[in-house]
Amino acid sequence: RIVRWHGQSARWVLDAWTEVWLSPQFRAWSLDPYLAQVHCPVLAIHG
């Protein structure tokens, strides 16, 4: 499906996105500290 939107760059886009999120710098990244600050209903879909 990613090819539909990114064409021949699809592999590069996928690799760039996953390499960032799997890198050691983001290993401890979390929204948990901020979730208590949300005071309205939220439907958050990531992916």
PDB file of N, CA and C in Angstrom:
ATOM      1  N   ARG A   1       0.809  -1.204   0.000  1.00  0.00           N
ATOM      2  CA  ARG A   1       0.000   0.000   0.000  1.00  0.00           C
ATOM      3  C   ARG A   1       0.850   1.266   0.000  1.00  0.00           C
ATOM      4  N   ILE A   2       1.992   1.178   0.610  1.00  0.00           N
ATOM      5  CA  ILE A   2       2.844   2.376   0.670  1.00  0.00           C
ATOM      6  C   ILE A   2       3.297   2.800  -0.728  1.00  0.00           C
ATOM      7  N   VAL A   3       3.402   1.854  -1.636  1.00  0.00           N
ATOM      8  CA  VAL A   3       3.807   2.165  -3.012  1.00  0.00           C
ATOM      9  C   VAL A   3       2.764   3.064  -3.672  1.00  0.00           C
ATOM     10  N   ARG A   4       1.514   2.856  -3.322  1.00  0.00           N
ATOM     11  CA  ARG A   4       0.438   3.669  -3.900  1.00  0.00           C
ATOM     12  C   ARG A   4       0.677   5.157  -3.658  1.00  0.00           C
ATOM     13  N   TRP A   5       1.160   5.498  -2.489  1.00  0.00           N
ATOM     14  CA  TRP A   5       1.338   6.904  -2.123  1.00  0.00           C
ATOM     15  C   TRP A   5       2.751   7.416  -2.376  1.00  0.00           C
ATOM     16  N   HIS A   6       3.747   6.526  -2.344  1.00  0.00           N
ATOM     17  CA  HIS A   6       5.137   6.980  -2.436  1.00  0.00           C
ATOM     18  C   HIS A   6       5.878   6.461  -3.662  1.00  0.00           C
ATOM     19  N   GLY A   7       5.227   5.644  -4.460  1.00  0.00           N
ATOM     20  CA  GLY A   7       5.826   5.184  -5.712  1.00  0.00           C
ATOM     21  C   GLY A   7       7.168   4.501  -5.517  1.00  0.00           C
ATOM     22  N   GLN A   8       8.134   4.874  -6.354  1.00  0.00           N
ATOM     23  CA  GLN A   8       9.449   4.240  -6.310  1.00  0.00           C
ATOM     24  C   GLN A   8      10.228   4.576  -5.044  1.00  0.00           C
ATOM     25  N   SER A   9       9.800   5.578  -4.315  1.00  0.00           N
ATOM     26  CA  SER A   9      10.479   5.954  -3.068  1.00  0.00           C
ATOM     27  C   SER A   9       9.959   5.170  -1.872  1.00  0.00           C
ATOM     28  N   ALA A  10       9.027   4.263  -2.083  1.00  0.00           N
ATOM     29  CA  ALA A  10       8.365   3.560  -0.979  1.00  0.00           C
ATOM     30  C   ALA A  10       9.348   2.862  -0.049  1.00  0.00           C
ATOM     31  N   ARG A  11      10.310   2.161  -0.576  1.00  0.00           N
ATOM     32  CA  ARG A  11      11.273   1.446   0.266  1.00  0.00           C
ATOM     33  C   ARG A  11      12.062   2.431   1.123  1.00  0.00           C
ATOM     34  N   TRP A  12      12.518   3.529   0.511  1.00  0.00           N
ATOM     35  CA  TRP A  12      13.268   4.532   1.254  1.00  0.00           C
ATOM     36  C   TRP A  12      12.408   5.134   2.369  1.00  0.00           C
ATOM     37  N   VAL A  13      11.173   5.466   2.072  1.00  0.00           N
ATOM     38  CA  VAL A  13      10.270   6.055   3.068  1.00  0.00           C
ATOM     39  C   VAL A  13      10.080   5.099   4.236  1.00  0.00           C
ATOM     40  N   LEU A  14       9.805   3.842   3.948  1.00  0.00           N
ATOM     41  CA  LEU A  14       9.597   2.847   4.999  1.00  0.00           C
ATOM     42  C   LEU A  14      10.856   2.665   5.842  1.00  0.00           C
ATOM     43  N   ASP A  15      11.993   2.521   5.192  1.00  0.00           N
ATOM     44  CA  ASP A  15      13.254   2.338   5.925  1.00  0.00           C
ATOM     45  C   ASP A  15      13.583   3.557   6.787  1.00  0.00           C
ATOM     46  N   ALA A  16      13.403   4.749   6.247  1.00  0.00           N
ATOM     47  CA  ALA A  16      13.703   5.966   7.008  1.00  0.00           C
ATOM     48  C   ALA A  16      12.813   6.054   8.239  1.00  0.00           C
ATOM     49  N   TRP A  17      11.543   5.755   8.085  1.00  0.00           N
ATOM     50  CA  TRP A  17      10.596   5.842   9.201  1.00  0.00           C
ATOM     51  C   TRP A  17      10.912   4.806  10.278  1.00  0.00           C
ATOM     52  N   THR A  18      11.124   3.562   9.876  1.00  0.00           N
ATOM     53  CA  THR A  18      11.370   2.518  10.872  1.00  0.00           C
ATOM     54  C   THR A  18      12.741   2.661  11.530  1.00  0.00           C
ATOM     55  N   GLU A  19      13.741   3.101  10.780  1.00  0.00           N
ATOM     56  CA  GLU A  19      15.073   3.260  11.375  1.00  0.00           C
ATOM     57  C   GLU A  19      15.070   4.334  12.460  1.00  0.00           C
ATOM     58  N   VAL A  20      14.307   5.388  12.262  1.00  0.00           N
ATOM     59  CA  VAL A  20      14.216   6.431  13.291  1.00  0.00           C
ATOM     60  C   VAL A  20      13.588   5.861  14.550  1.00  0.00           C
ATOM     61  N   TRP A  21      12.444   5.206  14.418  1.00  0.00           N
ATOM     62  CA  TRP A  21      11.720   4.725  15.599  1.00  0.00           C
ATOM     63  C   TRP A  21      12.400   3.547  16.277  1.00  0.00           C
ATOM     64  N   LEU A  22      13.236   2.823  15.562  1.00  0.00           N
ATOM     65  CA  LEU A  22      13.950   1.697  16.164  1.00  0.00           C
ATOM     66  C   LEU A  22      15.348   2.085  16.651  1.00  0.00           C
ATOM     67  N   SER A  23      15.732   3.336  16.458  1.00  0.00           N
ATOM     68  CA  SER A  23      17.065   3.772  16.871  1.00  0.00           C
ATOM     69  C   SER A  23      17.146   3.893  18.390  1.00  0.00           C
ATOM     70  N   PRO A  24      18.346   3.765  18.945  1.00  0.00           N
ATOM     71  CA  PRO A  24      18.523   3.858  20.399  1.00  0.00           C
ATOM     72  C   PRO A  24      18.026   5.181  20.990  1.00  0.00           C
ATOM     73  N   GLN A  25      18.100   6.267  20.226  1.00  0.00           N
ATOM     74  CA  GLN A  25      17.659   7.564  20.735  1.00  0.00           C
ATOM     75  C   GLN A  25      16.170   7.577  21.084  1.00  0.00           C
ATOM     76  N   PHE A  26      15.388   6.739  20.444  1.00  0.00           N
ATOM     77  CA  PHE A  26      13.945   6.728  20.676  1.00  0.00           C
ATOM     78  C   PHE A  26      13.486   5.544  21.519  1.00  0.00           C
ATOM     79  N   ARG A  27      14.402   4.729  21.977  1.00  0.00           N
ATOM     80  CA  ARG A  27      14.039   3.531  22.731  1.00  0.00           C
ATOM     81  C   ARG A  27      13.190   3.862  23.955  1.00  0.00           C
ATOM     82  N   ALA A  28      13.514   4.926  24.654  1.00  0.00           N
ATOM     83  CA  ALA A  28      12.794   5.283  25.883  1.00  0.00           C
ATOM     84  C   ALA A  28      11.677   6.298  25.636  1.00  0.00           C
ATOM     85  N   TRP A  29      11.453   6.686  24.383  1.00  0.00           N
ATOM     86  CA  TRP A  29      10.449   7.699  24.078  1.00  0.00           C
ATOM     87  C   TRP A  29       9.057   7.180  24.404  1.00  0.00           C
ATOM     88  N   SER A  30       8.279   8.013  25.039  1.00  0.00           N
ATOM     89  CA  SER A  30       6.922   7.624  25.422  1.00  0.00           C
ATOM     90  C   SER A  30       6.066   8.865  25.624  1.00  0.00           C
ATOM     91  N   LEU A  31       4.799   8.719  25.348  1.00  0.00           N
ATOM     92  CA  LEU A  31       3.844   9.797  25.619  1.00  0.00           C
ATOM     93  C   LEU A  31       3.270   9.710  27.024  1.00  0.00           C
ATOM     94  N   ASP A  32       3.598   8.670  27.749  1.00  0.00           N
ATOM     95  CA  ASP A  32       3.019   8.452  29.080  1.00  0.00           C
ATOM     96  C   ASP A  32       3.078   9.681  29.993  1.00  0.00           C
ATOM     97  N   PRO A  33       4.195  10.404  30.066  1.00  0.00           N
ATOM     98  CA  PRO A  33       4.232  11.563  30.969  1.00  0.00           C
ATOM     99  C   PRO A  33       3.231  12.663  30.586  1.00  0.00           C
ATOM    100  N   TYR A  34       2.795  12.679  29.350  1.00  0.00           N
ATOM    101  CA  TYR A  34       1.914  13.742  28.867  1.00  0.00           C
ATOM    102  C   TYR A  34       0.437  13.358  28.875  1.00  0.00           C
ATOM    103  N   LEU A  35       0.144  12.079  28.962  1.00  0.00           N
ATOM    104  CA  LEU A  35      -1.241  11.629  28.860  1.00  0.00           C
ATOM    105  C   LEU A  35      -2.120  12.161  29.981  1.00  0.00           C
ATOM    106  N   ALA A  36      -1.574  12.338  31.154  1.00  0.00           N
ATOM    107  CA  ALA A  36      -2.359  12.874  32.273  1.00  0.00           C
ATOM    108  C   ALA A  36      -2.783  14.321  32.017  1.00  0.00           C
ATOM    109  N   GLN A  37      -2.119  14.998  31.104  1.00  0.00           N
ATOM    110  CA  GLN A  37      -2.450  16.387  30.789  1.00  0.00           C
ATOM    111  C   GLN A  37      -3.590  16.514  29.779  1.00  0.00           C
ATOM    112  N   VAL A  38      -4.014  15.404  29.205  1.00  0.00           N
ATOM    113  CA  VAL A  38      -5.104  15.422  28.227  1.00  0.00           C
ATOM    114  C   VAL A  38      -6.419  15.438  28.992  1.00  0.00           C
ATOM    115  N   HIS A  39      -7.215  16.476  28.769  1.00  0.00           N
ATOM    116  CA  HIS A  39      -8.451  16.657  29.529  1.00  0.00           C
ATOM    117  C   HIS A  39      -9.705  16.591  28.662  1.00  0.00           C
ATOM    118  N   CYS A  40      -9.591  16.023  27.490  1.00  0.00           N
ATOM    119  CA  CYS A  40     -10.758  15.860  26.630  1.00  0.00           C
ATOM    120  C   CYS A  40     -10.644  14.504  25.937  1.00  0.00           C
ATOM    121  N   PRO A  41     -11.765  13.951  25.482  1.00  0.00           N
ATOM    122  CA  PRO A  41     -11.708  12.661  24.794  1.00  0.00           C
ATOM    123  C   PRO A  41     -10.843  12.752  23.530  1.00  0.00           C
ATOM    124  N   VAL A  42     -10.044  11.723  23.304  1.00  0.00           N
ATOM    125  CA  VAL A  42      -9.162  11.693  22.138  1.00  0.00           C
ATOM    126  C   VAL A  42      -9.203  10.305  21.522  1.00  0.00           C
ATOM    127  N   LEU A  43      -9.362  10.250  20.217  1.00  0.00           N
ATOM    128  CA  LEU A  43      -9.185   9.012  19.477  1.00  0.00           C
ATOM    129  C   LEU A  43      -7.900   9.195  18.687  1.00  0.00           C
ATOM    130  N   ALA A  44      -6.843   8.535  19.102  1.00  0.00           N
ATOM    131  CA  ALA A  44      -5.544   8.678  18.450  1.00  0.00           C
ATOM    132  C   ALA A  44      -5.197   7.369  17.762  1.00  0.00           C
ATOM    133  N   ILE A  45      -4.993   7.443  16.467  1.00  0.00           N
ATOM    134  CA  ILE A  45      -4.633   6.261  15.678  1.00  0.00           C
ATOM    135  C   ILE A  45      -3.262   6.523  15.076  1.00  0.00           C
ATOM    136  N   HIS A  46      -2.348   5.627  15.320  1.00  0.00           N
ATOM    137  CA  HIS A  46      -0.981   5.791  14.825  1.00  0.00           C
ATOM    138  C   HIS A  46      -0.632   4.583  13.982  1.00  0.00           C
ATOM    139  N   GLY A  47      -0.016   4.824  12.863  1.00  0.00           N
ATOM    140  CA  GLY A  47       0.410   3.679  12.087  1.00  0.00           C
ATOM    141  C   GLY A  47       0.353   3.843  10.656  1.00  0.00           C
TER     142      GLY A  47
END
